[in-house]
Amino acid sequence: MNSSDRTPADLLRSALAADPARPLVTFYDDATGERVELSVATFANWVAKTANLLQGDLAAEPGDRLALLLPAHWQTAVWLLACSSVGVVADVQGDPAAADLVVTGPDTLERARACRGERVALALRPLGGRFPQPPEGFADYAVEAPSQGDRFAPFAPVDPDGPALAVDGVELTGAQLVARAREDAATLGLTPGSRLLSGRTYDTWDGLSAGLFAPLAADGSVVLCRHLGQLDADGLAKRVESERVTDTAV
């Protein structure tokens, strides 16, 4: 962790410089049995591709508002950092009609149609799979993202004091987000190398912090679990052991 980091994208760059091979996000979906592990380098590569898609093909600019209609998922984490990289405000579960563009999962397609700007849909299938039939009026993220560049440079510097995230009535600048993530990391007892298991949803600050930002700020990693309630106590204990979990937020 670099004390001069002032945006989530800065935190990711520092993590990449320090140890690109270490795990950053390990994702489970206990409704499907999916498990995906992303190292810092792999996660950063997805962020770069997504940021290039956002800035290039979707023509997003700093200050634009993106309604992010996605659950707690590794691809949602990628979009959050891609928004930070470009300077776009990630409005989590925000109103698509009031947004410049929208990113949605399969369950919120109809709601997302209220957006008059660019629309991107994610199938949220295992291994980042495509929609069997692309939804009309949406770009399929799994089709568009892989061909994007592996490195990203913003057209304009991202202002740490500009708005970065809106969730559940809270709006934060990049600098405020990083500060709160560091505070939460200390409260959760996270230190470099910590592995935090989070079963929280991504529709509150506490869920976003435990599920991404606090572990990133602490040079730790997250075991992000969707549908954790479908796992029994024995299964949870085995996961804690197998994933070398040091802290939990459920």
C-alpha atoms as a PDB file:
ATOM      1  CA  MET A   1       0.000   0.000   0.000  1.00  0.00           C
ATOM      2  CA  ASN A   2       1.317   3.402  -0.994  1.00  0.00           C
ATOM      3  CA  SER A   3       0.328   6.274   1.293  1.00  0.00           C
ATOM      4  CA  SER A   4       0.059   8.570  -1.740  1.00  0.00           C
ATOM      5  CA  ASP A   5      -2.677   6.464  -3.375  1.00  0.00           C
ATOM      6  CA  ARG A   6      -5.849   8.571  -3.666  1.00  0.00           C
ATOM      7  CA  THR A   7      -8.152   6.577  -5.948  1.00  0.00           C
ATOM      8  CA  PRO A   8      -9.085   2.885  -6.097  1.00  0.00           C
ATOM      9  CA  ALA A   9      -7.214   2.690  -9.403  1.00  0.00           C
ATOM     10  CA  ASP A  10      -4.106   3.944  -7.570  1.00  0.00           C
ATOM     11  CA  LEU A  11      -4.518   1.161  -5.002  1.00  0.00           C
ATOM     12  CA  LEU A  12      -4.670  -1.427  -7.773  1.00  0.00           C
ATOM     13  CA  ARG A  13      -1.569  -0.020  -9.484  1.00  0.00           C
ATOM     14  CA  SER A  14       0.346  -0.222  -6.204  1.00  0.00           C
ATOM     15  CA  ALA A  15      -0.804  -3.803  -5.642  1.00  0.00           C
ATOM     16  CA  LEU A  16       0.291  -4.716  -9.156  1.00  0.00           C
ATOM     17  CA  ALA A  17       3.716  -3.185  -8.642  1.00  0.00           C
ATOM     18  CA  ALA A  18       4.199  -4.902  -5.278  1.00  0.00           C
ATOM     19  CA  ASP A  19       3.145  -8.493  -6.030  1.00  0.00           C
ATOM     20  CA  PRO A  20       1.256  -9.203  -9.248  1.00  0.00           C
ATOM     21  CA  ALA A  21       1.069 -12.964  -8.659  1.00  0.00           C
ATOM     22  CA  ARG A  22      -0.751 -12.971  -5.317  1.00  0.00           C
ATOM     23  CA  PRO A  23      -4.501 -13.664  -5.194  1.00  0.00           C
ATOM     24  CA  LEU A  24      -6.760 -10.626  -5.055  1.00  0.00           C
ATOM     25  CA  VAL A  25     -10.332 -11.834  -5.674  1.00  0.00           C
ATOM     26  CA  THR A  26     -11.519 -15.407  -5.185  1.00  0.00           C
ATOM     27  CA  PHE A  27     -15.181 -15.683  -6.166  1.00  0.00           C
ATOM     28  CA  TYR A  28     -17.719 -18.340  -5.238  1.00  0.00           C
ATOM     29  CA  ASP A  29     -21.332 -18.654  -6.359  1.00  0.00           C
ATOM     30  CA  ASP A  30     -22.941 -21.183  -4.062  1.00  0.00           C
ATOM     31  CA  ALA A  31     -26.019 -21.408  -6.280  1.00  0.00           C
ATOM     32  CA  THR A  32     -23.997 -22.743  -9.229  1.00  0.00           C
ATOM     33  CA  GLY A  33     -20.821 -24.149  -7.673  1.00  0.00           C
ATOM     34  CA  GLU A  34     -18.648 -21.685  -9.584  1.00  0.00           C
ATOM     35  CA  ARG A  35     -15.214 -20.764  -8.240  1.00  0.00           C
ATOM     36  CA  VAL A  36     -12.905 -18.243  -9.909  1.00  0.00           C
ATOM     37  CA  GLU A  37      -9.583 -17.014  -8.555  1.00  0.00           C
ATOM     38  CA  LEU A  38      -7.956 -13.888  -9.940  1.00  0.00           C
ATOM     39  CA  SER A  39      -4.442 -12.795  -9.128  1.00  0.00           C
ATOM     40  CA  VAL A  40      -3.647  -9.100  -8.949  1.00  0.00           C
ATOM     41  CA  ALA A  41      -2.237  -9.308 -12.491  1.00  0.00           C
ATOM     42  CA  THR A  42      -5.258 -11.113 -13.934  1.00  0.00           C
ATOM     43  CA  PHE A  43      -7.700  -8.791 -12.194  1.00  0.00           C
ATOM     44  CA  ALA A  44      -5.759  -5.729 -13.392  1.00  0.00           C
ATOM     45  CA  ASN A  45      -5.822  -7.105 -16.939  1.00  0.00           C
ATOM     46  CA  TRP A  46      -9.619  -7.380 -16.826  1.00  0.00           C
ATOM     47  CA  VAL A  47      -9.816  -3.865 -15.396  1.00  0.00           C
ATOM     48  CA  ALA A  48      -7.636  -2.517 -18.228  1.00  0.00           C
ATOM     49  CA  LYS A  49      -9.741  -4.219 -20.901  1.00  0.00           C
ATOM     50  CA  THR A  50     -12.952  -2.937 -19.314  1.00  0.00           C
ATOM     51  CA  ALA A  51     -11.599   0.589 -18.913  1.00  0.00           C
ATOM     52  CA  ASN A  52     -10.560   0.589 -22.586  1.00  0.00           C
ATOM     53  CA  LEU A  53     -14.064  -0.544 -23.534  1.00  0.00           C
ATOM     54  CA  LEU A  54     -15.561   2.154 -21.334  1.00  0.00           C
ATOM     55  CA  GLN A  55     -13.369   4.990 -22.577  1.00  0.00           C
ATOM     56  CA  GLY A  56     -13.059   3.894 -26.197  1.00  0.00           C
ATOM     57  CA  ASP A  57     -16.076   2.021 -27.557  1.00  0.00           C
ATOM     58  CA  LEU A  58     -18.557   3.504 -25.067  1.00  0.00           C
ATOM     59  CA  ALA A  59     -17.069   7.034 -25.204  1.00  0.00           C
ATOM     60  CA  ALA A  60     -17.396   7.526 -21.438  1.00  0.00           C
ATOM     61  CA  GLU A  61     -15.727  10.606 -19.954  1.00  0.00           C
ATOM     62  CA  PRO A  62     -14.719  11.662 -16.438  1.00  0.00           C
ATOM     63  CA  GLY A  63     -17.784  12.709 -14.491  1.00  0.00           C
ATOM     64  CA  ASP A  64     -20.192  10.568 -16.518  1.00  0.00           C
ATOM     65  CA  ARG A  65     -22.562   8.483 -14.412  1.00  0.00           C
ATOM     66  CA  LEU A  66     -22.798   4.719 -14.902  1.00  0.00           C
ATOM     67  CA  ALA A  67     -25.724   2.821 -13.373  1.00  0.00           C
ATOM     68  CA  LEU A  68     -24.147  -0.443 -12.202  1.00  0.00           C
ATOM     69  CA  LEU A  69     -26.926  -3.018 -11.873  1.00  0.00           C
ATOM     70  CA  LEU A  70     -24.875  -6.050 -10.892  1.00  0.00           C
ATOM     71  CA  PRO A  71     -24.708  -8.330  -7.824  1.00  0.00           C
ATOM     72  CA  ALA A  72     -21.653  -9.148  -5.738  1.00  0.00           C
ATOM     73  CA  HIS A  73     -19.526 -10.818  -8.411  1.00  0.00           C
ATOM     74  CA  TRP A  74     -15.924 -10.731  -9.598  1.00  0.00           C
ATOM     75  CA  GLN A  75     -16.991  -8.975 -12.791  1.00  0.00           C
ATOM     76  CA  THR A  76     -18.726  -6.280 -10.747  1.00  0.00           C
ATOM     77  CA  ALA A  77     -15.452  -5.700  -8.898  1.00  0.00           C
ATOM     78  CA  VAL A  78     -13.751  -5.296 -12.283  1.00  0.00           C
ATOM     79  CA  TRP A  79     -16.298  -2.684 -13.371  1.00  0.00           C
ATOM     80  CA  LEU A  80     -15.878  -0.734 -10.133  1.00  0.00           C
ATOM     81  CA  LEU A  81     -12.125  -0.410 -10.720  1.00  0.00           C
ATOM     82  CA  ALA A  82     -12.599   0.302 -14.434  1.00  0.00           C
ATOM     83  CA  CYS A  83     -14.901   3.202 -13.575  1.00  0.00           C
ATOM     84  CA  SER A  84     -12.271   4.531 -11.184  1.00  0.00           C
ATOM     85  CA  SER A  85      -9.609   4.206 -13.887  1.00  0.00           C
ATOM     86  CA  VAL A  86     -11.601   6.363 -16.322  1.00  0.00           C
ATOM     87  CA  GLY A  87     -13.077   8.786 -13.777  1.00  0.00           C
ATOM     88  CA  VAL A  88     -16.651   7.603 -14.298  1.00  0.00           C
ATOM     89  CA  VAL A  89     -19.018   7.635 -11.314  1.00  0.00           C
ATOM     90  CA  ALA A  90     -20.141   4.092 -10.464  1.00  0.00           C
ATOM     91  CA  ASP A  91     -23.747   4.503  -9.291  1.00  0.00           C
ATOM     92  CA  VAL A  92     -24.430   1.112  -7.716  1.00  0.00           C
ATOM     93  CA  GLN A  93     -28.062   0.097  -8.300  1.00  0.00           C
ATOM     94  CA  GLY A  94     -28.646   3.656  -9.501  1.00  0.00           C
ATOM     95  CA  ASP A  95     -31.464   4.896 -11.714  1.00  0.00           C
ATOM     96  CA  PRO A  96     -30.674   3.995 -15.341  1.00  0.00           C
ATOM     97  CA  ALA A  97     -32.920   6.796 -16.595  1.00  0.00           C
ATOM     98  CA  ALA A  98     -30.678   9.327 -14.843  1.00  0.00           C
ATOM     99  CA  ALA A  99     -27.399   7.719 -15.968  1.00  0.00           C
ATOM    100  CA  ASP A 100     -25.216   8.321 -19.008  1.00  0.00           C
ATOM    101  CA  LEU A 101     -24.760   4.585 -19.496  1.00  0.00           C
ATOM    102  CA  VAL A 102     -25.787   1.359 -17.794  1.00  0.00           C
ATOM    103  CA  VAL A 103     -24.177  -1.991 -17.043  1.00  0.00           C
ATOM    104  CA  THR A 104     -26.593  -4.753 -16.104  1.00  0.00           C
ATOM    105  CA  GLY A 105     -26.880  -8.423 -15.316  1.00  0.00           C
ATOM    106  CA  PRO A 106     -29.492 -10.754 -16.813  1.00  0.00           C
ATOM    107  CA  ASP A 107     -32.054 -10.130 -14.072  1.00  0.00           C
ATOM    108  CA  THR A 108     -32.283  -6.357 -14.532  1.00  0.00           C
ATOM    109  CA  LEU A 109     -32.390  -6.019 -18.317  1.00  0.00           C
ATOM    110  CA  GLU A 110     -35.847  -4.467 -18.403  1.00  0.00           C
ATOM    111  CA  ARG A 111     -34.949  -1.916 -15.757  1.00  0.00           C
ATOM    112  CA  ALA A 112     -31.760  -1.064 -17.645  1.00  0.00           C
ATOM    113  CA  ARG A 113     -33.680  -0.226 -20.824  1.00  0.00           C
ATOM    114  CA  ALA A 114     -34.620   3.105 -19.218  1.00  0.00           C
ATOM    115  CA  CYS A 115     -31.090   4.339 -19.948  1.00  0.00           C
ATOM    116  CA  ARG A 116     -30.878   6.433 -23.103  1.00  0.00           C
ATOM    117  CA  GLY A 117     -27.117   6.041 -23.364  1.00  0.00           C
ATOM    118  CA  GLU A 118     -24.909   3.051 -24.018  1.00  0.00           C
ATOM    119  CA  ARG A 119     -26.043  -0.257 -22.513  1.00  0.00           C
ATOM    120  CA  VAL A 120     -23.855  -3.225 -21.628  1.00  0.00           C
ATOM    121  CA  ALA A 121     -25.133  -6.567 -20.372  1.00  0.00           C
ATOM    122  CA  LEU A 122     -23.306  -9.350 -18.544  1.00  0.00           C
ATOM    123  CA  ALA A 123     -24.597 -12.916 -18.577  1.00  0.00           C
ATOM    124  CA  LEU A 124     -22.746 -13.655 -15.296  1.00  0.00           C
ATOM    125  CA  ARG A 125     -22.218 -17.206 -16.496  1.00  0.00           C
ATOM    126  CA  PRO A 126     -19.315 -19.333 -15.236  1.00  0.00           C
ATOM    127  CA  LEU A 127     -15.932 -18.378 -16.704  1.00  0.00           C
ATOM    128  CA  GLY A 128     -17.369 -15.107 -17.971  1.00  0.00           C
ATOM    129  CA  GLY A 129     -19.435 -16.794 -20.678  1.00  0.00           C
ATOM    130  CA  ARG A 130     -21.549 -15.033 -23.279  1.00  0.00           C
ATOM    131  CA  PHE A 131     -25.310 -14.795 -23.517  1.00  0.00           C
ATOM    132  CA  PRO A 132     -26.654 -17.685 -25.642  1.00  0.00           C
ATOM    133  CA  GLN A 133     -28.682 -14.986 -27.430  1.00  0.00           C
ATOM    134  CA  PRO A 134     -27.474 -11.399 -26.976  1.00  0.00           C
ATOM    135  CA  PRO A 135     -30.231  -9.201 -25.484  1.00  0.00           C
ATOM    136  CA  GLU A 136     -31.578  -6.691 -27.992  1.00  0.00           C
ATOM    137  CA  GLY A 137     -30.292  -3.181 -27.447  1.00  0.00           C
ATOM    138  CA  PHE A 138     -27.278  -4.228 -25.340  1.00  0.00           C
ATOM    139  CA  ALA A 139     -23.622  -4.919 -26.026  1.00  0.00           C
ATOM    140  CA  ASP A 140     -22.562  -8.300 -24.620  1.00  0.00           C
ATOM    141  CA  TYR A 141     -19.632  -7.650 -22.302  1.00  0.00           C
ATOM    142  CA  ALA A 142     -18.220 -11.137 -22.866  1.00  0.00           C
ATOM    143  CA  VAL A 143     -18.056 -10.415 -26.596  1.00  0.00           C
ATOM    144  CA  GLU A 144     -16.722  -6.858 -26.403  1.00  0.00           C
ATOM    145  CA  ALA A 145     -14.177  -6.972 -23.564  1.00  0.00           C
ATOM    146  CA  PRO A 146     -11.695  -9.739 -24.508  1.00  0.00           C
ATOM    147  CA  SER A 147     -10.442  -7.952 -27.644  1.00  0.00           C
ATOM    148  CA  GLN A 148      -9.698  -4.713 -25.772  1.00  0.00           C
ATOM    149  CA  GLY A 149      -6.140  -3.661 -24.957  1.00  0.00           C
ATOM    150  CA  ASP A 150      -4.323  -5.140 -21.968  1.00  0.00           C
ATOM    151  CA  ARG A 151      -3.036  -1.751 -20.819  1.00  0.00           C
ATOM    152  CA  PHE A 152      -4.992   1.369 -20.098  1.00  0.00           C
ATOM    153  CA  ALA A 153      -4.161   5.075 -20.035  1.00  0.00           C
ATOM    154  CA  PRO A 154      -6.891   7.646 -19.384  1.00  0.00           C
ATOM    155  CA  PHE A 155      -7.345  10.440 -21.902  1.00  0.00           C
ATOM    156  CA  ALA A 156      -7.486  12.860 -18.969  1.00  0.00           C
ATOM    157  CA  PRO A 157      -6.056  12.512 -15.438  1.00  0.00           C
ATOM    158  CA  VAL A 158      -8.606  11.283 -12.903  1.00  0.00           C
ATOM    159  CA  ASP A 159      -9.330  13.857 -10.200  1.00  0.00           C
ATOM    160  CA  PRO A 160      -9.193  12.179  -6.747  1.00  0.00           C
ATOM    161  CA  ASP A 161     -11.543  14.865  -5.452  1.00  0.00           C
ATOM    162  CA  GLY A 162     -14.156  14.215  -8.124  1.00  0.00           C
ATOM    163  CA  PRO A 163     -17.149  11.934  -7.496  1.00  0.00           C
ATOM    164  CA  ALA A 164     -16.296   8.260  -7.832  1.00  0.00           C
ATOM    165  CA  LEU A 165     -18.955   6.087  -6.212  1.00  0.00           C
ATOM    166  CA  ALA A 166     -22.605   6.335  -5.224  1.00  0.00           C
ATOM    167  CA  VAL A 167     -24.271   3.567  -3.222  1.00  0.00           C
ATOM    168  CA  ASP A 168     -27.303   3.429  -0.926  1.00  0.00           C
ATOM    169  CA  GLY A 169     -27.524   7.205  -0.561  1.00  0.00           C
ATOM    170  CA  VAL A 170     -23.789   7.695   0.008  1.00  0.00           C
ATOM    171  CA  GLU A 171     -21.629   9.489  -2.585  1.00  0.00           C
ATOM    172  CA  LEU A 172     -17.843   9.462  -2.283  1.00  0.00           C
ATOM    173  CA  THR A 173     -14.937  10.999  -4.128  1.00  0.00           C
ATOM    174  CA  GLY A 174     -12.003   8.776  -5.004  1.00  0.00           C
ATOM    175  CA  ALA A 175      -9.979  10.167  -2.109  1.00  0.00           C
ATOM    176  CA  GLN A 176     -12.862   9.708   0.334  1.00  0.00           C
ATOM    177  CA  LEU A 177     -13.387   6.149  -0.862  1.00  0.00           C
ATOM    178  CA  VAL A 178      -9.741   5.247  -0.310  1.00  0.00           C
ATOM    179  CA  ALA A 179      -9.760   6.864   3.144  1.00  0.00           C
ATOM    180  CA  ARG A 180     -12.884   4.980   4.186  1.00  0.00           C
ATOM    181  CA  ALA A 181     -11.517   1.710   2.805  1.00  0.00           C
ATOM    182  CA  ARG A 182      -8.365   2.144   4.884  1.00  0.00           C
ATOM    183  CA  GLU A 183     -10.427   2.902   7.986  1.00  0.00           C
ATOM    184  CA  ASP A 184     -12.575  -0.171   7.380  1.00  0.00           C
ATOM    185  CA  ALA A 185      -9.498  -2.322   6.848  1.00  0.00           C
ATOM    186  CA  ALA A 186      -8.196  -1.240  10.252  1.00  0.00           C
ATOM    187  CA  THR A 187     -11.590  -1.872  11.874  1.00  0.00           C
ATOM    188  CA  LEU A 188     -11.745  -5.345  10.337  1.00  0.00           C
ATOM    189  CA  GLY A 189      -8.204  -6.060  11.491  1.00  0.00           C
ATOM    190  CA  LEU A 190      -6.864  -6.509   7.970  1.00  0.00           C
ATOM    191  CA  THR A 191      -3.104  -6.453   7.393  1.00  0.00           C
ATOM    192  CA  PRO A 192      -0.956  -7.265   4.357  1.00  0.00           C
ATOM    193  CA  GLY A 193      -1.691 -10.856   3.362  1.00  0.00           C
ATOM    194  CA  SER A 194      -5.071 -11.019   5.127  1.00  0.00           C
ATOM    195  CA  ARG A 195      -7.803 -13.042   3.411  1.00  0.00           C
ATOM    196  CA  LEU A 196     -11.278 -11.735   4.157  1.00  0.00           C
ATOM    197  CA  LEU A 197     -14.289 -13.916   3.401  1.00  0.00           C
ATOM    198  CA  SER A 198     -17.292 -11.728   2.598  1.00  0.00           C
ATOM    199  CA  GLY A 199     -20.855 -12.870   2.082  1.00  0.00           C
ATOM    200  CA  ARG A 200     -22.212  -9.327   2.003  1.00  0.00           C
ATOM    201  CA  THR A 201     -24.093  -7.982  -0.983  1.00  0.00           C
ATOM    202  CA  TYR A 202     -22.787  -5.162  -3.141  1.00  0.00           C
ATOM    203  CA  ASP A 203     -25.716  -2.776  -2.611  1.00  0.00           C
ATOM    204  CA  THR A 204     -24.298  -1.025   0.483  1.00  0.00           C
ATOM    205  CA  TRP A 205     -20.979   0.610   1.307  1.00  0.00           C
ATOM    206  CA  ASP A 206     -20.265  -2.065   3.928  1.00  0.00           C
ATOM    207  CA  GLY A 207     -20.706  -4.769   1.305  1.00  0.00           C
ATOM    208  CA  LEU A 208     -18.530  -3.019  -1.277  1.00  0.00           C
ATOM    209  CA  SER A 209     -15.856  -2.282   1.302  1.00  0.00           C
ATOM    210  CA  ALA A 210     -15.640  -5.806   2.714  1.00  0.00           C
ATOM    211  CA  GLY A 211     -16.063  -7.360  -0.712  1.00  0.00           C
ATOM    212  CA  LEU A 212     -13.354  -5.352  -2.466  1.00  0.00           C
ATOM    213  CA  PHE A 213     -12.106  -1.987  -1.273  1.00  0.00           C
ATOM    214  CA  ALA A 214     -10.907  -2.731   2.290  1.00  0.00           C
ATOM    215  CA  PRO A 215      -8.894  -5.839   1.319  1.00  0.00           C
ATOM    216  CA  LEU A 216      -7.400  -3.939  -1.616  1.00  0.00           C
ATOM    217  CA  ALA A 217      -6.452  -1.027   0.647  1.00  0.00           C
ATOM    218  CA  ALA A 218      -4.826  -3.417   3.144  1.00  0.00           C
ATOM    219  CA  ASP A 219      -2.755  -5.327   0.567  1.00  0.00           C
ATOM    220  CA  GLY A 220      -4.958  -8.313   1.334  1.00  0.00           C
ATOM    221  CA  SER A 221      -7.428 -10.346  -0.694  1.00  0.00           C
ATOM    222  CA  VAL A 222     -11.115 -11.191  -0.637  1.00  0.00           C
ATOM    223  CA  VAL A 223     -12.987 -14.473  -0.854  1.00  0.00           C
ATOM    224  CA  LEU A 224     -16.226 -13.073  -2.289  1.00  0.00           C
ATOM    225  CA  CYS A 225     -19.195 -15.390  -1.809  1.00  0.00           C
ATOM    226  CA  ARG A 226     -22.505 -14.971  -3.597  1.00  0.00           C
ATOM    227  CA  HIS A 227     -25.492 -16.942  -2.245  1.00  0.00           C
ATOM    228  CA  LEU A 228     -23.454 -17.853   0.839  1.00  0.00           C
ATOM    229  CA  GLY A 229     -26.687 -18.708   2.663  1.00  0.00           C
ATOM    230  CA  GLN A 230     -26.903 -21.873   0.569  1.00  0.00           C
ATOM    231  CA  LEU A 231     -23.735 -23.180   2.220  1.00  0.00           C
ATOM    232  CA  ASP A 232     -24.149 -25.071   5.497  1.00  0.00           C
ATOM    233  CA  ALA A 233     -21.943 -24.584   8.554  1.00  0.00           C
ATOM    234  CA  ASP A 234     -19.655 -27.499   7.695  1.00  0.00           C
ATOM    235  CA  GLY A 235     -19.228 -26.227   4.151  1.00  0.00           C
ATOM    236  CA  LEU A 236     -18.377 -22.762   5.399  1.00  0.00           C
ATOM    237  CA  ALA A 237     -15.821 -24.144   7.847  1.00  0.00           C
ATOM    238  CA  LYS A 238     -14.180 -26.164   5.067  1.00  0.00           C
ATOM    239  CA  ARG A 239     -14.019 -23.086   2.833  1.00  0.00           C
ATOM    240  CA  VAL A 240     -12.459 -20.992   5.588  1.00  0.00           C
ATOM    241  CA  GLU A 241      -9.797 -23.681   5.999  1.00  0.00           C
ATOM    242  CA  SER A 242      -9.162 -24.398   2.302  1.00  0.00           C
ATOM    243  CA  GLU A 243      -8.982 -20.700   1.366  1.00  0.00           C
ATOM    244  CA  ARG A 244      -6.767 -19.820   4.358  1.00  0.00           C
ATOM    245  CA  VAL A 245      -9.301 -17.204   5.456  1.00  0.00           C
ATOM    246  CA  THR A 246      -8.061 -14.959   8.257  1.00  0.00           C
ATOM    247  CA  ASP A 247     -11.157 -12.752   8.744  1.00  0.00           C
ATOM    248  CA  THR A 248     -14.852 -12.916   7.897  1.00  0.00           C
ATOM    249  CA  ALA A 249     -17.641 -10.431   7.100  1.00  0.00           C
ATOM    250  CA  VAL A 250     -20.938 -12.244   6.694  1.00  0.00           C
END
